[in-house]
Structures are given as C-alpha cells and as structure tokens.
C-alpha cells in the first residue's frame, strides 16, 4: 500500500505557508511604510495649517489695530479703507508679475529679431533652403559671439549680449582717449596701460599717492628752473619757492596790503593751488581773520614758515604797501619777510 504524498506542485504544505507568510510580511511592511508617509504628509499639512492659523491671527490683530487707528483718526469707515489697501496690494503684485512677463517677452522679441532680419534679407527670391541656411548662420554667429564676450557658464540673453557689447565699446573708447588716438589700441598698448595701472595701485597700497608724487615732481622741476634762472643772473644762495609754475616762476600764496599799524591780506594762489593752500598748517584760522596786527600775522603764519624750512623752500606773497612814510614801509616789509619771500608791487 503506497504512502500519501502531501506535496502540491513539488512544494510541501509547509513551504507554501512560509511563502504566504513572507508575502504577508512584505504587505505589512508596505502598509507600515505607507502609514508613516501619510503621517509625515499629515504632519506637514498640520504644521502648515498651524503656521497659516498663526499668520491669520497676526493679520486679524493687525487689522483690528489698523481699524482702531483709523477710527481714532476720524475715518468713518475703516473697513472700506482696509479693503482698498488690500486691493491695491493685489494690484501691485499683479503689476510686478506683468513687468516680469513683459521683460521676458522683450527678450524673446530681441531673440527673434535676428531671425526676422535674416528672413527679410533673404527676400522672396531666395529659396527656402537658402533662407534656412542664412538663419542657421545667423544663429551660429550669435552663439560664437556669446562665447567671445560672455561667460559660457551663464545662460546669457540677447539683451545681456547687447549690454556687454556696449560696455566693451565704452572701454575701447576710454582706451582711445587715454592713448590720445582714434585707432584701435594694440595689445601692446593695452598691456602697457595695465602695467601702469598695476604700478599705480601698488603705490597707493604702500601709502604713496602717485598724483601727489607727480605734483611734487612738477614743483621740484619748477624750483630747479627758478634756481637756474637766478644763477644765470649772477645770484644764488636763496631758497627756491615752494610753489612754482613750469617756467620756474613763483606762485603766490597771499596778497598782503601794508598799513602803518596793521595789514590785511587776500588769497593770491592760482586755482590749481587751492588744495595745497588749504593743506597748509593753520590755514583756516589764518583766513578767518584777514585783517591783523603785524605781530598777530607773524604768529598765525609761524607754522607755515616752519613747514617751508623743513621743505627747504619759501612761500611767496605779493606785497603792496599803502604806507607813505618810506622808513615805516621798509620796517613793515621786513617784518613780513620773516615768514615769507615777497614780490613787491608799485606803492600806492
């Protein structure tokens, strides 16, 4: 008598139950995962709701406060005013969105302008194949232009390319003006200007003002020319003027009018020396009182004299005597000469 076989499709009942149990376990795990996902989503919605509720509460409080303030100002219908404010805010947001859309459309129109221009140039007599080729060449030229003047990592719009071309044209014009030439600057000229700019920046970083050095150099040249002129006339040994023009002539600081017991003065420096005059020690206090006694004038200009001694030069004044008595006039002139060199004008 044969034994009973408990296998179905070559699987035992135990194996079938194990497969079913595994499938149930997978289904249970999926359900747990789905429940967790639903829980997270509901938690996010709850957080959003709470945040929205908080905002609504804040808006309600602000609205109530605004109503009270409007009522306090004597406005009969605060709700109508608030409603108009809300409508105005919505209109402003819509206007901002419309401006963005308008900008995008303008960029699209600019992009299509090149294609339209190419089609117009092609004309009716050109076959479709040639027109397409012309459009393709136009787009390829535009793409090459982007690579030359734009950042390849950024998505440049046609308006950006046009703006960049304008900037490059402006830079080119600045270079032409700096080189005093109408022709395009050569790479060597641009490189030389870059070297000069780097030297200028380095000097400023080290605390040296190149413009001041250039001005001081011009003064030194004028002083040398002044001394050379004096030597040619058989005179020498005096200090050069602190301020000179390119021909070596002294530039005046003040015009001083001599009187018996006092003097008065006024500016005599050329326009280009205004900053230099204002930088002199005690300048503001000196110019605040243009009429002084001789002793007061010498005290007020003592620091200017000391500065000229350090620089081994002298500041010049134009001297005009209004004193009729010659000995008294000479005495007053000698007093002024303690602090300044002078150039006299004819006596009044």
Protein backbone atom coordinates (compact mmCIF):
# COMPACT_ATOMS: atom_id res chain seq x y z
CA UNK A 1 0.00 0.00 0.00
CA UNK A 2 1.54 3.38 -1.11
CA UNK A 3 2.15 6.30 1.32
CA UNK A 4 0.11 9.56 0.97
CA UNK A 5 2.03 12.41 -0.75
CA UNK A 6 1.37 15.91 0.80
CA UNK A 7 3.21 17.89 -1.93
CA UNK A 8 1.45 20.17 -4.42
CA UNK A 9 3.42 21.34 -7.47
CA UNK A 10 6.50 19.78 -5.90
CA UNK A 11 6.04 22.07 -2.79
CA UNK A 12 5.12 20.90 0.61
CA UNK A 13 2.30 22.46 2.58
CA UNK A 14 4.87 23.91 5.00
CA UNK A 15 6.78 25.63 2.21
CA UNK A 16 3.57 27.10 0.80
CA UNK A 17 2.68 28.53 4.22
CA UNK A 18 6.16 30.01 4.51
CA UNK A 19 5.78 31.74 1.14
CA UNK A 20 2.37 33.06 2.16
CA UNK A 21 3.76 34.29 5.48
CA UNK A 22 6.63 36.07 3.65
CA UNK A 23 4.18 37.76 1.28
CA UNK A 24 2.04 38.84 4.23
CA UNK A 25 5.14 40.23 5.90
CA UNK A 26 6.02 42.24 2.80
CA UNK A 27 2.47 43.56 2.57
CA UNK A 28 2.54 44.52 6.24
CA UNK A 29 5.85 46.34 5.78
CA UNK A 30 4.47 48.23 2.82
CA UNK A 31 1.42 49.23 4.80
CA UNK A 32 3.64 50.45 7.66
CA UNK A 33 5.75 52.47 5.21
CA UNK A 34 2.65 53.96 3.62
CA UNK A 35 1.21 54.83 7.03
CA UNK A 36 4.46 56.57 8.00
CA UNK A 37 4.48 58.51 4.74
CA UNK A 38 0.87 59.52 5.25
CA UNK A 39 1.71 60.53 8.80
CA UNK A 40 4.57 62.74 7.64
CA UNK A 41 2.41 64.36 5.00
CA UNK A 42 -0.37 64.98 7.50
CA UNK A 43 2.18 66.42 9.96
CA UNK A 44 3.43 68.81 7.27
CA UNK A 45 -0.13 69.83 6.48
CA UNK A 46 -0.77 70.32 10.18
CA UNK A 47 2.35 72.47 10.53
CA UNK A 48 1.30 74.49 7.51
CA UNK A 49 -2.16 74.85 8.96
CA UNK A 50 -0.77 75.99 12.31
CA UNK A 51 1.52 78.46 10.57
CA UNK A 52 -1.36 79.69 8.46
CA UNK A 53 -3.50 79.96 11.55
CA UNK A 54 -0.77 81.97 13.28
CA UNK A 55 -0.49 84.28 10.30
CA UNK A 56 -4.25 84.68 10.16
CA UNK A 57 -4.25 85.53 13.84
CA UNK A 58 -1.48 88.09 13.33
CA UNK A 59 -3.29 89.56 10.34
CA UNK A 60 -6.50 89.75 12.34
CA UNK A 61 -4.73 91.54 15.18
CA UNK A 62 -3.05 93.93 12.74
CA UNK A 63 -6.37 94.56 11.01
CA UNK A 64 -8.08 95.29 14.30
CA UNK A 65 -5.27 97.61 15.35
CA UNK A 66 -5.44 99.39 11.99
CA UNK A 67 -9.20 99.78 12.36
CA UNK A 68 -8.75 101.30 15.79
CA UNK A 69 -6.06 103.66 14.49
CA UNK A 70 -8.22 104.71 11.54
CA UNK A 71 -11.19 105.23 13.82
CA UNK A 72 -9.00 107.33 16.09
CA UNK A 73 -8.05 109.47 13.10
CA UNK A 74 -11.71 110.20 12.46
CA UNK A 75 -12.17 107.99 9.38
CA UNK A 76 -15.85 106.95 9.34
CA UNK A 77 -15.49 103.61 7.50
CA UNK A 78 -12.23 101.79 8.37
CA UNK A 79 -13.33 98.53 6.69
CA UNK A 80 -13.63 100.26 3.32
CA UNK A 81 -10.15 101.77 3.67
CA UNK A 82 -8.63 98.39 4.56
CA UNK A 83 -10.41 96.77 1.62
CA UNK A 84 -8.91 99.37 -0.72
CA UNK A 85 -5.46 98.76 0.73
CA UNK A 86 -5.81 95.02 0.10
CA UNK A 87 -6.95 95.66 -3.47
CA UNK A 88 -4.01 98.00 -4.02
CA UNK A 89 -1.58 95.38 -2.71
CA UNK A 90 -3.03 92.76 -5.07
CA UNK A 91 -2.78 95.20 -7.97
CA UNK A 92 0.86 95.92 -7.11
CA UNK A 93 1.69 92.20 -7.07
CA UNK A 94 -0.05 91.73 -10.41
CA UNK A 95 1.85 94.68 -11.85
CA UNK A 96 5.15 93.13 -10.70
CA UNK A 97 4.23 89.85 -12.37
CA UNK A 98 3.28 91.69 -15.55
CA UNK A 99 6.62 93.52 -15.56
CA UNK A 100 8.44 90.19 -15.31
CA UNK A 101 6.39 88.77 -18.17
CA UNK A 102 6.98 91.92 -20.22
CA UNK A 103 10.75 91.63 -19.71
CA UNK A 104 10.66 88.00 -20.80
CA UNK A 105 8.65 88.90 -23.88
CA UNK A 106 11.07 91.69 -24.76
CA UNK A 107 13.94 89.24 -24.56
CA UNK A 108 12.07 86.79 -26.78
CA UNK A 109 11.33 89.55 -29.29
CA UNK A 110 15.00 90.55 -29.31
CA UNK A 111 15.98 86.94 -29.93
CA UNK A 112 13.52 86.66 -32.79
CA UNK A 113 14.64 89.98 -34.26
CA UNK A 114 17.84 88.42 -35.63
CA UNK A 115 15.82 85.66 -37.29
CA UNK A 116 13.33 88.15 -38.69
CA UNK A 117 16.17 90.29 -40.04
CA UNK A 118 17.70 87.25 -41.69
CA UNK A 119 14.39 86.33 -43.31
CA UNK A 120 13.92 89.90 -44.55
CA UNK A 121 17.40 89.87 -46.04
CA UNK A 122 16.69 86.57 -47.71
CA UNK A 123 13.74 88.04 -49.61
CA UNK A 124 11.15 86.29 -51.70
CA UNK A 125 13.66 85.43 -54.42
CA UNK A 126 15.67 83.20 -52.08
CA UNK A 127 14.63 79.60 -51.88
CA UNK A 128 13.61 78.05 -48.60
CA UNK A 129 16.84 76.11 -48.34
CA UNK A 130 18.98 79.21 -48.62
CA UNK A 131 16.78 81.09 -46.17
CA UNK A 132 17.15 78.32 -43.62
CA UNK A 133 20.90 78.30 -44.19
CA UNK A 134 21.05 82.06 -43.62
CA UNK A 135 19.07 81.74 -40.38
CA UNK A 136 21.34 78.93 -39.23
CA UNK A 137 24.45 81.01 -39.97
CA UNK A 138 22.96 83.95 -38.07
CA UNK A 139 22.28 81.81 -35.01
CA UNK A 140 25.74 80.23 -35.23
CA UNK A 141 27.36 83.68 -35.42
CA UNK A 142 25.35 84.76 -32.37
CA UNK A 143 26.47 81.67 -30.48
CA UNK A 144 30.11 82.38 -31.35
CA UNK A 145 29.65 85.97 -30.22
CA UNK A 146 28.38 84.74 -26.86
CA UNK A 147 31.50 82.61 -26.44
CA UNK A 148 33.76 85.56 -27.20
CA UNK A 149 32.28 88.23 -24.91
CA UNK A 150 30.09 86.39 -22.39
CA UNK A 151 30.53 83.91 -19.59
CA UNK A 152 29.99 80.46 -21.15
CA UNK A 153 28.75 79.06 -17.83
CA UNK A 154 25.82 81.51 -17.69
CA UNK A 155 22.68 81.49 -19.80
CA UNK A 156 23.08 84.87 -21.49
CA UNK A 157 20.06 86.54 -23.01
CA UNK A 158 20.35 88.66 -26.18
CA UNK A 159 19.81 91.81 -24.12
CA UNK A 160 22.78 90.79 -21.94
CA UNK A 161 24.94 90.34 -25.03
CA UNK A 162 23.94 93.77 -26.36
CA UNK A 163 24.70 95.34 -22.97
CA UNK A 164 28.09 93.61 -22.87
CA UNK A 165 28.95 94.86 -26.35
CA UNK A 166 28.09 98.40 -25.23
CA UNK A 167 30.38 98.03 -22.20
CA UNK A 168 33.24 96.80 -24.38
CA UNK A 169 32.72 99.73 -26.76
CA UNK A 170 32.85 102.15 -23.81
CA UNK A 171 36.08 100.56 -22.54
CA UNK A 172 37.56 100.79 -26.04
CA UNK A 173 36.69 104.50 -26.19
CA UNK A 174 38.30 105.08 -22.78
CA UNK A 175 41.48 103.41 -24.03
CA UNK A 176 41.47 105.55 -27.18
CA UNK A 177 41.04 108.70 -25.10
CA UNK A 178 43.83 107.65 -22.75
CA UNK A 179 46.15 106.95 -25.66
CA UNK A 180 45.02 110.12 -27.47
CA UNK A 181 44.45 108.10 -30.61
CA UNK A 182 41.47 107.36 -32.83
CA UNK A 183 42.83 104.00 -33.98
CA UNK A 184 42.09 100.78 -32.14
CA UNK A 185 44.55 100.15 -29.29
CA UNK A 186 47.07 97.40 -29.92
CA UNK A 187 47.58 94.55 -27.43
CA UNK A 188 50.98 96.03 -26.55
CA UNK A 189 49.42 99.40 -25.72
CA UNK A 190 46.74 97.77 -23.57
CA UNK A 191 49.38 95.69 -21.80
CA UNK A 192 51.45 98.82 -21.08
CA UNK A 193 48.41 100.60 -19.64
CA UNK A 194 47.68 97.58 -17.45
CA UNK A 195 51.27 97.66 -16.13
CA UNK A 196 50.95 101.36 -15.32
CA UNK A 197 47.63 100.78 -13.56
CA UNK A 198 49.16 97.96 -11.52
CA UNK A 199 52.09 100.19 -10.53
CA UNK A 200 49.64 102.93 -9.56
CA UNK A 201 47.62 100.52 -7.41
CA UNK A 202 50.79 99.16 -5.78
CA UNK A 203 51.95 102.67 -4.92
CA UNK A 204 48.60 103.53 -3.35
CA UNK A 205 48.67 100.28 -1.37
CA UNK A 206 52.08 101.24 0.02
CA UNK A 207 50.73 104.59 1.15
CA UNK A 208 52.24 106.62 -1.68
CA UNK A 209 49.91 108.83 -3.69
CA UNK A 210 51.18 108.83 -7.31
CA UNK A 211 49.25 112.03 -8.05
CA UNK A 212 50.98 113.78 -5.14
CA UNK A 213 54.34 112.48 -6.34
CA UNK A 214 53.67 113.81 -9.80
CA UNK A 215 52.73 117.21 -8.38
CA UNK A 216 55.78 117.27 -6.11
CA UNK A 217 57.94 116.36 -9.09
CA UNK A 218 56.48 119.27 -11.05
CA UNK A 219 57.24 121.62 -8.13
CA UNK A 220 60.82 120.36 -7.95
CA UNK A 221 61.31 120.95 -11.65
CA UNK A 222 59.99 124.48 -11.24
CA UNK A 223 62.28 125.09 -8.26
CA UNK A 224 65.30 123.86 -10.19
CA UNK A 225 64.37 126.15 -13.06
CA UNK A 226 63.99 129.05 -10.60
CA UNK A 227 67.47 128.48 -9.15
CA UNK A 228 68.91 128.10 -12.62
CA UNK A 229 67.38 131.44 -13.61
CA UNK A 230 68.93 133.09 -10.55
CA UNK A 231 72.33 131.59 -11.28
CA UNK A 232 72.14 132.82 -14.85
CA UNK A 233 71.55 136.32 -13.45
CA UNK A 234 74.55 136.02 -11.16
CA UNK A 235 72.51 135.46 -7.99
CA UNK A 236 72.29 132.38 -5.82
CA UNK A 237 72.13 131.02 -2.30
CA UNK A 238 68.41 131.75 -1.70
CA UNK A 239 65.79 129.13 -1.08
CA UNK A 240 63.58 128.26 -4.05
CA UNK A 241 59.85 128.98 -3.92
CA UNK A 242 57.68 126.17 -2.56
CA UNK A 243 55.22 126.77 -5.39
CA UNK A 244 56.41 127.35 -8.95
CA UNK A 245 54.95 127.06 -12.42
CA UNK A 246 56.62 125.06 -15.19
CA UNK A 247 58.74 128.07 -16.16
CA UNK A 248 60.19 128.37 -12.66
CA UNK A 249 58.23 131.49 -11.71
CA UNK A 250 56.99 131.67 -8.11
CA UNK A 251 53.30 131.20 -7.49
CA UNK A 252 51.86 133.49 -4.81
CA UNK A 253 50.17 132.44 -1.58
CA UNK A 254 48.70 135.79 -0.47
CA UNK A 255 48.49 139.42 -1.49
CA UNK A 256 49.39 141.45 1.59
CA UNK A 257 48.48 145.15 1.92
CA UNK A 258 50.71 147.02 4.38
CA UNK A 259 49.40 149.78 6.62
CA UNK A 260 51.16 151.61 9.44
CA UNK A 261 49.73 149.64 12.37
CA UNK A 262 48.04 146.66 10.70
CA UNK A 263 47.85 144.70 7.50
CA UNK A 264 45.18 142.91 5.57
CA UNK A 265 45.51 140.14 3.03
CA UNK A 266 43.56 138.15 0.47
CA UNK A 267 44.11 134.92 -1.49
CA UNK A 268 46.58 135.13 -4.36
CA UNK A 269 47.10 131.45 -5.15
CA UNK A 270 46.17 130.17 -8.63
CA UNK A 271 43.15 127.86 -8.91
CA UNK A 272 45.36 124.78 -9.16
CA UNK A 273 46.90 125.56 -5.74
CA UNK A 274 43.66 125.69 -3.75
CA UNK A 275 44.10 122.21 -2.26
CA UNK A 276 47.76 122.95 -1.45
CA UNK A 277 46.81 126.20 0.28
CA UNK A 278 44.09 124.53 2.33
CA UNK A 279 46.60 121.88 3.43
CA UNK A 280 48.95 124.46 4.96
CA UNK A 281 49.09 124.38 8.78
CA UNK A 282 46.79 126.91 10.44
CA UNK A 283 45.16 127.83 7.10
CA UNK A 284 41.55 128.00 8.35
CA UNK A 285 42.42 130.11 11.40
CA UNK A 286 44.58 132.43 9.29
CA UNK A 287 41.94 133.05 6.63
CA UNK A 288 39.21 133.56 9.23
CA UNK A 289 40.72 136.95 10.12
CA UNK A 290 42.08 138.77 7.05
CA UNK A 291 42.95 141.96 8.97
CA UNK A 292 45.58 141.62 11.69
CA UNK A 293 48.35 143.38 13.52
CA UNK A 294 51.84 142.56 12.32
CA UNK A 295 52.63 140.51 15.45
CA UNK A 296 49.36 138.58 15.13
CA UNK A 297 50.05 137.90 11.44
CA UNK A 298 53.53 136.56 12.20
CA UNK A 299 52.13 134.28 14.95
CA UNK A 300 49.38 132.98 12.66
CA UNK A 301 51.86 132.14 9.88
CA UNK A 302 54.67 130.77 12.06
CA UNK A 303 53.78 127.12 11.32
CA UNK A 304 53.75 127.83 7.59
CA UNK A 305 57.26 129.26 7.92
CA UNK A 306 58.37 126.16 9.88
CA UNK A 307 56.97 123.87 7.20
CA UNK A 308 58.83 125.78 4.47
CA UNK A 309 62.07 125.42 6.46
CA UNK A 310 61.57 121.65 6.61
CA UNK A 311 60.97 121.60 2.85
CA UNK A 312 63.95 123.92 2.28
CA UNK A 313 61.85 126.37 0.30
CA UNK A 314 59.85 129.55 0.93
CA UNK A 315 56.27 130.57 0.27
CA UNK A 316 55.85 133.82 -1.65
CA UNK A 317 53.44 136.71 -1.04
CA UNK A 318 52.64 139.70 -3.20
CA UNK A 319 53.36 142.83 -1.16
CA UNK A 320 51.57 146.14 -1.69
CA UNK A 321 52.49 148.97 0.67
CA UNK A 322 49.93 151.67 1.47
CA UNK A 323 52.34 153.47 3.85
CA UNK A 324 53.50 156.85 2.66
CA UNK A 325 56.48 157.10 5.03
CA UNK A 326 59.36 155.17 3.41
CA UNK A 327 61.20 154.14 6.63
CA UNK A 328 58.00 152.86 8.19
CA UNK A 329 57.15 150.99 4.99
CA UNK A 330 60.57 149.32 4.94
CA UNK A 331 60.18 148.31 8.58
CA UNK A 332 56.81 146.67 7.97
CA UNK A 333 58.10 144.94 4.83
CA UNK A 334 61.00 143.44 6.78
CA UNK A 335 58.53 142.11 9.37
CA UNK A 336 56.56 140.22 6.72
CA UNK A 337 59.80 138.90 5.25
CA UNK A 338 60.47 137.00 8.47
CA UNK A 339 57.99 134.33 7.35
CA UNK A 340 57.68 134.83 3.58
CA UNK A 341 59.54 135.82 0.49
CA UNK A 342 57.87 138.71 -1.27
CA UNK A 343 57.37 140.26 -4.68
CA UNK A 344 56.54 143.94 -4.35
CA UNK A 345 54.06 145.84 -6.47
CA UNK A 346 54.33 149.62 -7.01
CA UNK A 347 53.47 151.68 -3.93
CA UNK A 348 50.06 153.27 -3.91
